[in-house]
Structures are given as C-alpha cells and as structure tokens.
Protein backbone atom coordinates (compact mmCIF):
# COMPACT_ATOMS: atom_id res chain seq x y z
CA MET A 1 0.04 -0.38 0.05
CA SER A 2 1.41 3.15 -1.02
CA VAL A 3 1.55 5.92 1.56
CA THR A 4 -0.70 9.13 1.64
CA TYR A 5 1.26 12.30 2.66
CA TYR A 6 -0.42 15.00 4.75
CA PHE A 7 1.45 18.21 4.96
CA ILE A 8 0.92 21.24 7.31
CA SER A 9 3.11 23.77 9.05
CA ASP A 10 3.96 27.18 11.12
CA LEU A 11 1.79 26.44 13.96
CA HIS A 12 3.71 28.70 16.14
CA ILE A 13 2.84 26.84 19.39
CA GLY A 14 4.13 28.49 22.71
CA GLY A 15 5.68 31.61 23.42
CA ASP A 16 5.87 34.12 26.49
CA GLU A 17 2.70 34.55 28.59
CA ALA A 18 -0.21 36.30 25.65
CA LEU A 19 1.80 34.08 23.08
CA GLY A 20 0.69 30.98 25.34
CA VAL A 21 -2.79 31.09 23.57
CA CYS A 22 -3.19 28.39 20.57
CA ASP A 23 -6.59 29.65 18.62
CA PHE A 24 -6.55 26.57 16.75
CA GLU A 25 -6.39 23.89 19.20
CA ALA A 26 -9.92 22.25 18.91
CA GLU A 27 -9.46 22.57 15.22
CA LEU A 28 -5.59 20.87 15.48
CA ILE A 29 -6.73 17.82 17.68
CA ARG A 30 -9.87 16.80 15.67
CA PHE A 31 -7.55 16.85 12.38
CA LEU A 32 -5.32 14.67 14.38
CA ASP A 33 -7.82 12.47 15.47
CA GLU A 34 -9.60 12.06 12.24
CA ILE A 35 -6.39 11.54 10.06
CA ALA A 36 -5.59 9.00 12.69
CA ASN A 37 -8.86 6.65 12.03
CA GLU A 38 -8.51 6.75 8.46
CA LYS A 39 -7.58 3.24 7.27
CA LYS A 40 -4.23 4.19 5.12
CA ASP A 41 -0.65 3.81 5.74
CA ILE A 42 -0.47 7.84 6.43
CA GLU A 43 2.51 9.95 7.47
CA LEU A 44 1.82 13.79 8.61
CA ILE A 45 4.94 15.87 7.70
CA ILE A 46 4.94 18.99 9.95
CA ILE A 47 7.37 21.43 8.07
CA GLY A 48 8.83 23.68 10.48
CA ASP A 49 7.83 26.18 13.13
CA ALA A 50 5.43 23.60 14.72
CA PHE A 51 6.78 25.65 18.13
CA GLY A 52 7.57 29.34 19.04
CA LEU A 53 10.52 28.24 20.58
CA TRP A 54 11.89 31.58 19.64
CA GLU A 55 9.29 33.45 21.72
CA LEU A 56 9.83 32.14 24.84
CA THR A 57 12.67 33.99 26.24
CA ASN A 58 13.19 33.51 29.85
CA ILE A 59 14.02 30.04 29.60
CA HIS A 60 16.41 27.80 27.41
CA GLY A 61 16.92 24.48 26.11
CA ILE A 62 14.67 21.38 26.88
CA ASP A 63 12.79 23.44 29.18
CA LYS A 64 11.52 25.70 26.23
CA PHE A 65 9.72 22.48 25.47
CA ASN A 66 8.31 21.45 28.86
CA ALA A 67 7.27 24.67 29.24
CA ILE A 68 5.41 24.39 25.88
CA ILE A 69 3.99 20.85 26.98
CA ASN A 70 2.89 22.47 30.36
CA GLN A 71 0.81 25.17 28.11
CA PHE A 72 -0.91 22.73 25.45
CA PRO A 73 -1.27 19.35 27.09
CA ASN A 74 -4.25 18.86 25.23
CA ILE A 75 -2.43 19.02 21.84
CA PHE A 76 0.27 16.88 23.19
CA ASN A 77 -2.02 13.94 24.04
CA ALA A 78 -3.12 14.47 20.38
CA PHE A 79 0.06 13.82 19.47
CA TYR A 80 0.55 10.80 21.28
CA ARG A 81 -2.88 9.11 20.17
CA ALA A 82 -2.16 9.99 16.41
CA GLY A 83 1.11 9.04 16.27
CA GLU A 84 0.36 5.47 17.54
CA LYS A 85 -1.40 4.96 14.35
CA ILE A 86 0.04 6.65 11.73
CA LYS A 87 3.82 8.43 11.45
CA ILE A 88 4.28 12.24 12.88
CA THR A 89 7.41 13.66 10.98
CA LEU A 90 8.78 16.97 12.48
CA LEU A 91 11.33 19.40 10.55
CA PRO A 92 12.61 22.20 11.98
CA GLY A 93 11.70 25.80 11.07
CA ASN A 94 13.57 29.08 12.32
CA HIS A 95 11.11 29.66 14.93
CA ASP A 96 12.11 26.47 16.39
CA TYR A 97 15.69 26.16 15.25
CA GLU A 98 16.83 24.80 18.86
CA LEU A 99 14.81 21.24 17.75
CA ALA A 100 17.84 21.05 14.84
CA CYS A 101 20.77 21.65 17.67
CA TYR A 102 20.06 19.23 20.53
CA PRO A 103 19.47 15.55 20.86
CA ASP A 104 17.28 15.79 23.62
CA PHE A 105 14.63 17.53 21.76
CA VAL A 106 14.49 14.06 19.69
CA LYS A 107 14.26 12.36 22.93
CA ALA A 108 11.54 14.42 24.05
CA LEU A 109 9.48 14.44 21.17
CA LYS A 110 9.47 10.49 20.64
CA LYS A 111 7.84 10.32 23.83
CA TYR A 112 4.52 11.82 22.15
CA ASN A 113 5.19 9.84 18.67
CA ILE A 114 6.80 12.80 16.66
CA TRP A 115 9.98 11.44 14.86
CA LEU A 116 12.17 14.85 14.44
CA GLU A 117 14.44 14.80 11.33
CA GLN A 118 17.22 17.52 12.49
CA LYS A 119 17.88 18.25 8.73
CA PRO A 120 17.26 21.06 6.75
CA ALA A 121 15.32 19.34 4.18
CA ILE A 122 13.99 15.73 3.69
CA THR A 123 12.60 13.41 0.27
CA ARG A 124 9.83 11.03 0.26
CA SER A 125 9.21 8.43 -2.42
CA ILE A 126 5.82 8.45 -4.25
CA ALA A 127 5.09 6.70 -7.59
CA ASN A 128 8.61 6.10 -8.51
CA ARG A 129 9.22 9.62 -7.87
CA ARG A 130 10.08 11.93 -5.14
CA LEU A 131 8.83 14.84 -2.84
CA TRP A 132 11.43 17.66 -1.60
CA ILE A 133 10.06 19.06 2.12
CA GLU A 134 11.63 21.47 3.70
CA HIS A 135 10.86 24.98 5.63
CA GLY A 136 12.18 27.30 3.49
CA SER A 137 13.71 29.39 6.17
CA GLN A 138 17.62 28.83 4.83
CA TYR A 139 16.50 30.92 1.35
CA ASP A 140 15.65 33.62 3.91
CA GLU A 141 18.68 36.06 5.01
CA ALA A 142 16.92 37.12 7.77
CA ASN A 143 16.34 33.58 8.95
CA ARG A 144 18.81 31.50 7.11
CA SER A 145 21.10 29.86 9.68
CA PRO A 146 24.68 29.66 8.19
CA SER A 147 25.91 26.49 9.86
CA PHE A 148 22.37 24.20 10.36
CA GLY A 149 22.38 22.12 13.87
CA ASP A 150 24.82 24.80 15.41
CA PRO A 151 23.13 26.30 18.27
CA TYR A 152 24.91 29.33 17.95
CA ALA A 153 25.01 29.58 14.51
CA LEU A 154 21.74 32.27 15.06
CA PRO A 155 20.31 34.68 11.80
CA VAL A 156 19.38 38.28 12.68
CA GLY A 157 15.17 37.09 12.75
CA TYR A 158 16.39 35.14 16.07
CA PHE A 159 17.13 38.63 17.62
CA ILE A 160 14.24 40.31 16.15
CA THR A 161 11.86 37.73 17.61
CA SER A 162 12.68 37.55 20.67
CA ASN A 163 13.19 40.93 21.39
CA MET A 164 10.24 42.15 19.68
CA VAL A 165 7.44 38.97 19.66
CA GLY A 166 8.69 37.61 22.75
CA LYS A 167 8.25 41.16 23.97
CA ALA A 168 4.91 41.76 22.81
CA GLY A 169 3.70 38.48 23.88
CA ARG A 170 4.74 40.02 27.73
CA LEU A 171 3.03 43.42 27.04
CA SER A 172 -0.29 42.56 25.71
CA GLY A 173 -2.32 42.22 28.56
CA ARG A 174 -1.30 45.83 29.01
CA GLY A 175 -3.36 47.07 26.25
CA HIS A 176 -7.36 48.19 25.82
CA TYR A 177 -7.32 45.13 23.66
CA ASN A 178 -5.22 42.15 24.08
CA TRP A 179 -3.40 43.05 20.25
CA LEU A 180 0.00 42.70 20.49
CA LYS A 181 0.16 39.22 20.83
CA ASP A 182 -0.97 38.86 17.32
CA ILE A 183 2.13 40.48 15.85
CA GLN A 184 3.24 37.51 14.67
CA SER A 185 -0.05 37.33 12.40
CA VAL A 186 1.43 40.21 10.42
CA TYR A 187 3.02 39.56 6.89
CA PRO A 188 4.91 41.05 5.71
CA THR A 189 6.73 41.74 9.04
CA GLU A 190 7.83 45.46 7.33
CA MET A 191 3.74 46.35 7.88
CA ILE A 192 4.10 46.02 11.39
CA PRO A 193 4.29 49.42 11.90
CA ASP A 194 0.96 50.38 9.97
CA TRP A 195 -0.37 47.23 11.77
CA ILE A 196 0.36 49.36 15.32
CA MET A 197 -0.74 52.66 14.06
CA SER A 198 -3.93 50.91 13.08
CA ASN A 199 -4.61 49.17 16.28
CA TYR A 200 -3.74 52.61 18.34
CA PHE A 201 -6.24 54.33 16.76
CA TYR A 202 -9.03 52.15 16.52
CA HIS A 203 -8.09 50.65 20.27
CA GLU A 204 -5.65 52.56 22.34
CA MET A 205 -6.51 56.03 21.73
CA SER A 206 -8.62 57.98 23.91
CA PRO A 207 -12.04 57.52 22.93
CA LEU A 208 -12.68 61.62 23.26
CA LEU A 209 -9.60 62.33 21.18
CA ARG A 210 -10.84 59.72 18.59
CA TRP A 211 -14.22 61.01 18.26
CA LEU A 212 -12.97 64.72 17.79
CA ALA A 213 -10.63 63.45 15.04
CA MET A 214 -13.10 61.38 13.19
CA PRO A 215 -15.39 64.10 11.69
CA PHE A 216 -12.45 65.58 9.90
CA LEU A 217 -10.76 62.47 8.76
CA LEU A 218 -14.12 61.41 7.68
CA LEU A 219 -14.99 64.17 5.61
CA SER A 220 -11.68 64.80 4.12
CA GLY A 221 -12.94 63.28 0.53
CA LEU A 222 -15.90 66.20 0.74
CA THR A 223 -13.54 68.43 1.42
CA LEU A 224 -11.59 67.93 -1.28
CA PHE A 225 -15.02 67.90 -3.49
CA VAL A 226 -15.93 71.14 -2.11
CA LEU A 227 -12.57 72.89 -2.56
CA ALA A 228 -12.78 71.47 -6.10
CA GLY A 229 -16.32 72.93 -6.70
CA ALA A 230 -14.98 76.36 -5.20
CA PHE A 231 -11.68 76.40 -7.50
CA LEU A 232 -14.12 75.76 -10.56
CA GLU A 233 -16.66 78.56 -9.15
CA TYR A 234 -14.02 80.90 -8.36
CA PHE A 235 -12.29 80.99 -12.17
CA ASN A 236 -16.16 80.76 -13.86
CA ILE A 237 -15.10 77.61 -14.93
CA THR A 238 -18.51 75.37 -14.52
CA GLY A 239 -21.17 78.74 -14.46
CA THR A 240 -22.53 78.28 -11.03
CA ASN A 241 -22.57 79.18 -7.65
CA ILE A 242 -23.02 76.55 -5.73
CA PHE A 243 -20.08 75.74 -3.42
CA LEU A 244 -19.18 79.38 -3.25
CA ASP A 245 -22.91 80.39 -1.85
CA ASN A 246 -23.33 79.96 1.69
CA ARG A 247 -27.27 80.07 1.74
CA PHE A 248 -27.43 76.23 1.92
CA PHE A 249 -25.40 75.59 5.23
CA ASN A 250 -26.74 78.91 6.64
CA SER A 251 -30.16 77.38 6.76
CA LEU A 252 -28.99 74.51 8.60
CA GLY A 253 -28.33 76.97 11.33
CA MET A 254 -25.53 75.40 14.27
CA VAL A 255 -25.48 71.94 12.01
CA GLY A 256 -24.53 74.44 8.99
CA SER A 257 -21.99 76.14 10.70
CA LEU A 258 -20.42 73.24 12.56
CA PHE A 259 -20.57 71.67 9.22
CA GLN A 260 -18.30 74.55 7.32
CA MET A 261 -16.09 74.93 10.47
CA ILE A 262 -14.81 71.42 9.96
CA LEU A 263 -14.95 71.72 6.03
CA MET A 264 -12.71 75.14 6.60
CA ILE A 265 -10.28 73.67 9.01
CA ASN A 266 -9.78 70.30 6.78
CA ALA A 267 -9.34 72.54 3.65
CA VAL A 268 -6.51 74.62 5.44
CA VAL A 269 -4.94 71.02 6.39
CA LEU A 270 -5.25 69.69 3.30
CA LEU A 271 -3.82 72.79 1.09
CA MET A 272 -0.41 72.54 3.93
CA ALA A 273 -0.49 69.17 2.97
CA LEU A 274 -0.71 69.66 -0.64
CA ALA A 275 2.18 72.81 -0.17
CA LEU A 276 4.47 70.06 1.52
CA SER A 277 3.65 67.11 -0.81
CA ILE A 278 5.62 68.38 -3.39
CA PRO A 279 9.39 68.95 -1.32
CA LEU A 280 8.22 65.43 0.65
CA GLY A 281 7.38 63.78 -2.47
CA PHE A 282 10.73 64.15 -3.55
CA ILE A 283 12.56 63.51 -0.36
CA ILE A 284 10.59 60.03 -0.34
CA ARG A 285 10.98 58.82 -3.52
CA ASP A 286 14.97 59.60 -2.98
CA LEU A 287 14.99 57.56 0.56
CA LYS A 288 13.02 54.49 -1.08
CA ARG A 289 15.93 54.53 -3.78
CA THR A 290 18.49 54.44 -0.94
CA LEU A 291 16.98 51.99 0.96
CA ILE A 292 16.36 49.70 -2.24
CA ARG A 293 19.99 49.98 -2.97
CA PHE A 294 20.54 48.91 0.31
CA GLY A 295 18.33 45.69 -0.17
CA ILE A 296 15.09 47.05 1.74
CA GLU A 297 11.61 47.23 0.29
CA LEU A 298 8.50 49.01 1.74
CA ASP A 299 5.83 48.22 -0.68
CA PRO A 300 4.25 44.90 0.58
CA ALA A 301 3.20 43.83 -2.62
CA GLN A 302 6.39 43.83 -4.03
CA LEU A 303 8.15 42.36 -0.84
CA THR A 304 5.92 39.75 -1.11
CA GLY A 305 6.61 38.66 -4.57
CA GLU A 306 10.46 38.96 -3.92
CA LYS A 307 10.30 36.34 -1.51
CA GLU A 308 7.97 33.99 -3.57
CA ASP A 309 10.53 34.41 -6.27
CA SER A 310 13.43 33.30 -4.24
CA TYR A 311 11.67 29.82 -3.76
CA ILE A 312 10.71 29.43 -7.27
CA HIS A 313 14.47 29.80 -7.98
CA ALA A 314 15.13 27.26 -4.79
CA ALA A 315 12.88 25.11 -6.68
CA GLY A 316 14.03 24.93 -10.11
CA LYS A 317 17.74 24.29 -8.81
CA VAL A 318 16.66 21.46 -7.04
CA PHE A 319 14.46 20.71 -10.09
CA THR A 320 17.64 20.83 -12.33
CA GLU A 321 19.80 18.64 -10.07
CA ASN A 322 17.04 15.88 -9.03
CA GLN A 323 15.57 14.88 -11.96
CA ASP A 324 12.97 12.35 -9.88
CA ILE A 325 12.09 15.41 -8.03
CA VAL A 326 8.04 16.23 -8.71
CA ALA A 327 7.41 18.93 -6.00
CA PHE A 328 9.05 21.25 -3.96
CA ILE A 329 7.06 21.53 -1.01
CA TYR A 330 8.07 24.43 1.76
CA GLY A 331 6.40 27.06 4.33
CA HIS A 332 7.76 29.68 6.43
CA THR A 333 6.52 32.60 4.31
CA HIS A 334 2.61 31.52 5.40
CA LYS A 335 1.16 32.00 2.37
CA PRO A 336 -0.15 28.89 0.97
CA SER A 337 0.14 28.22 -2.94
CA LEU A 338 0.70 26.26 -5.30
CA GLN A 339 2.65 27.02 -8.79
CA GLN A 340 3.62 24.85 -11.60
CA ILE A 341 7.04 24.97 -13.22
CA ASP A 342 6.53 22.79 -16.07
CA ASP A 343 5.62 19.32 -15.22
CA ARG A 344 6.45 20.03 -11.53
CA LEU A 345 5.00 21.85 -8.66
CA VAL A 346 6.08 24.34 -5.91
CA ILE A 347 3.54 24.04 -3.35
CA ASN A 348 3.67 26.30 -0.15
CA THR A 349 1.80 25.12 3.04
CA GLY A 350 0.86 28.08 4.39
CA THR A 351 -0.11 28.81 7.95
CA TRP A 352 -2.27 28.20 11.02
CA LEU A 353 -2.13 30.89 12.82
CA LYS A 354 -4.52 33.96 12.27
CA ARG A 355 -3.96 36.15 9.12
CA PHE A 356 -4.66 39.89 8.64
CA GLU A 357 -5.91 41.52 5.61
CA ARG A 358 -5.08 45.02 5.24
CA THR A 359 -8.13 46.91 4.47
CA PRO A 360 -8.76 50.36 3.30
CA PRO A 361 -11.76 52.35 4.84
CA ARG A 362 -14.93 53.12 2.70
CA PHE A 363 -13.85 56.37 2.97
CA GLY A 364 -12.02 59.16 4.66
CA ILE A 365 -8.38 59.01 5.84
CA LEU A 366 -8.67 56.83 8.44
CA PRO A 367 -5.92 54.23 9.23
CA SER A 368 -6.20 50.78 7.47
CA ILE A 369 -8.07 48.55 9.07
CA TYR A 370 -6.51 44.67 9.40
CA VAL A 371 -9.33 41.94 9.25
CA PRO A 372 -8.73 38.75 10.86
CA VAL A 373 -8.93 35.54 9.13
CA PHE A 374 -7.76 31.96 9.44
CA CYS A 375 -6.80 29.67 6.55
CA LEU A 376 -6.48 26.26 8.47
CA ASN A 377 -5.06 24.69 5.43
CA TYR A 378 -3.19 20.92 4.55
CA PHE A 379 -2.39 19.56 1.41
CA ARG A 380 -3.10 15.81 1.13
CA VAL A 381 -0.64 13.61 -1.55
CA TYR A 382 -1.01 10.30 -2.97
CA ALA A 383 -0.76 8.36 -5.59
CA GLU A 384 -3.30 6.63 -8.20
CA ASP A 385 -1.66 4.09 -10.38
CA THR A 386 1.30 6.05 -11.52
CA ASP A 387 -0.25 9.54 -11.04
CA ILE A 388 0.28 11.92 -8.17
CA ILE A 389 -2.82 13.52 -6.67
CA ILE A 390 -2.53 16.53 -4.91
CA ASP A 391 -5.79 17.82 -2.66
CA TYR A 392 -5.92 21.10 -1.43
CA CYS A 393 -8.26 20.68 1.71
CA LYS A 394 -9.44 23.78 4.67
CA ILE A 395 -10.72 23.52 7.97
CA ASP A 396 -13.40 25.89 8.60
CA LYS A 397 -12.83 28.68 11.56
CA SER A 398 -14.19 32.20 11.75
CA PRO A 399 -12.40 34.55 13.77
CA GLU A 400 -13.81 35.82 17.05
CA ILE A 401 -15.32 39.51 16.84
CA GLU A 402 -12.24 41.77 16.85
CA LEU A 403 -13.15 45.24 15.05
CA THR A 404 -14.59 47.86 16.73
CA LEU A 405 -18.09 49.18 15.74
CA ILE A 406 -16.15 51.92 13.46
CA GLN A 407 -13.90 49.11 11.95
CA HIS A 408 -17.20 47.03 11.12
CA LEU A 409 -18.59 50.33 9.49
CA MET A 410 -15.87 51.24 7.66
CA VAL A 411 -14.47 47.62 6.49
CA SER A 412 -15.76 46.80 3.03
CA ARG A 413 -17.22 43.30 3.14
CA LYS A 414 -15.71 42.24 -0.17
CA ARG A 415 -12.84 40.32 0.00
CA SER A 416 -10.98 37.88 -1.95
CA PRO A 417 -9.59 34.60 -0.04
CA ILE A 418 -5.79 34.03 1.18
CA ASP A 419 -5.91 31.01 -1.08
CA SER A 420 -8.04 31.56 -4.00
CA ALA A 421 -5.87 30.73 -6.56
CA ILE A 422 -4.99 27.12 -5.20
CA ALA A 423 -7.14 24.29 -7.21
CA GLN A 424 -8.62 21.62 -4.82
CA LYS A 425 -7.32 18.68 -6.86
CA THR A 426 -4.42 18.63 -8.87
CA VAL A 427 -2.99 15.50 -10.92
CA ILE A 428 0.49 15.22 -12.07
CA HIS A 429 0.25 12.60 -14.74
CA ALA A 430 3.24 10.23 -15.26
CA ASP A 431 2.39 9.44 -18.83
CA GLU A 432 1.76 12.46 -20.34
CA ALA A 433 4.66 14.32 -17.94
CA ASP A 434 1.92 17.00 -17.77
CA ILE A 435 -0.16 18.47 -14.70
CA THR A 436 -4.06 19.29 -14.60
C-alpha cells in the first residue's frame, strides 16, 4: 500500500505570556484524531515552526519544550494518540531552530510519537518519484542559519523575534484590547508599523480624541470635492454658484455652521499638506531609492513577490539537480500557494496562525483596517497508479469578533480568500508528463 502524505506547517504553538494561547487548538486536535482513524498508511509531515521556541525568552534548552507541553497538554496528548496509528514527522523551522541543535529534543518528542528529523530538507518517495520537503527559512537572509544545526549560528531574525515578538507577548495584556500578541500574524513583517498605528487609533487612542478627530478624517474626501467645486466656480469655469454660496449651510443653523467649520479646517490642513507634498515627495522618492540600494523594500506587494521568487528559484535548482523530484514543498512565508514549473509543482503549506487582511476604509483618511481571518489548510499527496494526486483541503474557522464598531462600519465586506488561486485537486500525470 502506498503512503498518503499530509503536510502542514507554521503552527507557532507556544510563547511568552499572551502568546501561550492556541486559537486553533480544538481544530488541530480534531484534525489529528480524524487522520489517525483513516484506514490508510499515513505520514503527517509538519514542515517547521511547529513551536514558538524563539518566543520563549526567559527559559532555555529543553525547558522551552517542557513549558510548551505544560501550556498545551491536550495538543500533545492528541499527538501521542495519533502517533500510535500514523507516522508523525517534524522538521525544524527557524522559530523552533533549537530542535535541530540538541539530541534532547529528539528524545522528548519521541515520547509523544513525533519523529524529529534534524535536517534542513528531506525527501519522500511516491509513485517512483520523490517529493522535496523543507521549511524554507534557509532561503530567507534574515532567518537563514549559516551552519544548520549549530546552536550558536543564529540568524538576525532570532534577535528580532525574541526581542520584539516575545516582548509583545509579555506586554499585550496592558492594552485596552489584547492585540499585541498577534504581531507574528502580520505578514510581511514590514507592515508592522502600519498595523501598530491602526491598532493605536482603533483600540488604544483616547475615545474623546478619536471622536473629535473622526469628523475631520471622514469628511476629508468631501472637503476635496468642495474645494474643487469652489475652485471651478471662482474662475467661472462651471457657471454655477453652489459651492461659493453659503445660503444652504446657513439654512441648517448651528449644524450648518459646525459643518462649515469642519470643512474649513480640513481645507486649511489639506492645502498645507498639498504645499508640503511636493518637496516631501522628492525626499520620499529619494529615500525609497536609497533603501532599495541597501536591499530594503517597503512596498508590501513587492516584498511578497520577491520572497516568493526566491523559492521559485530554489525549486528550479532542486529540479535541475534531481530529475525525479516532482514537487518542492515548503512553508515559512505563511502564504499558501501552488505554482507550476513545467511538469512539476512548488507548494507552500501556509500557516494555521491567524492572518490579517489589510483593508482600506470605505471613505475618509482613517488608518487601514486589519481584518482577522483563518486559513487552516493542509495538502494531501498520494498516488493513484502512476499519477500523483495533490488535494488542497481547508478546515473552516471564523475568527472571534475583534473589530470595533467604527471598523465594522468602515470595512468593505467584499474580500478575496487568501488562497483563491489554489485548485482543490491537482494531478501530475506520469505518462503525459503534464499537470491538470
């Protein structure tokens, strides 16, 4: 009987204080129980970052693993039960890089029927071909270990995570809303400053200040419209006298006067911003060019594209050097995908962490709204005769209501799924050497 492979990654279980919560605990336990009860020869491969060892900053070594067991005993009991019936293989990622460095972790995980492979990459056979499997952090300059397995060969990402994400977990409870714990769900990480500003405005700002600012921010678009209309009327371009005539506002009494005052203040601010925008535009453009020369990109779309391109390049190299490899499977970037290179596939297993969709408000110049979503996904790979089948599966989960009333009113409900481009079933045909 051929093996059916299940792939998941980037669970990021555990961490300091507020990070010691697993939003998908019930779903993960149910998933483990279900695949363990299938009447098949099954191997579950967790492709790195199963645990948040970098996020545990006050303890070291095997004590980190014991702390996570104490945080989530039900999850480890589920691993133990499932591991009695199926094989569970774990690869180290970057956030649990210590797993690659010490033999104690091999013994500790084996007690829960989890087989730790202390390697950057492994392969698995299927239909006389092979799957290439690795976490993917070795292609990320900020998170690549220069000497895999060396406990002292820590990338810069370790210091950023332990100091920023770990501290966020310790401080999250101080906020009006426990939002800092979700910092590791912001992707790409370069969007974190914008995410912090959004949470400050919608959650941490004094309600009085927020409501005082709201009329000006919401009416900024209308202010531009009125300014444009007044400009056209002043130079007799339209032949109307709607915007320069105050009779309409005067007829509304105190409300009209208040409305006029808001528009006037907005107009002054916008005109000042316009006057400053030209010199600031030149400075910002020059700053962006300078950052790009140093390899720093600020455009989220460009950042995501460049990171994904590095994995396509890595997969192409693996395919060239190994003609029997039919799929390059990785995680790390938290973005599920399935791409084709000729007659082979590049698969990103995504993450079970909460994700955020950066959404602009419907109108006004309010900060962006980060809408929480879950994409609990897994890939199932198996053979049918000489064909290889790749099933993309999802577990439904809705996030708790986290948006404020203002955010609910301002956010658009029409959003595309994170994984909208992934087919539910993909077939690699051996004889025709093509994919459907």
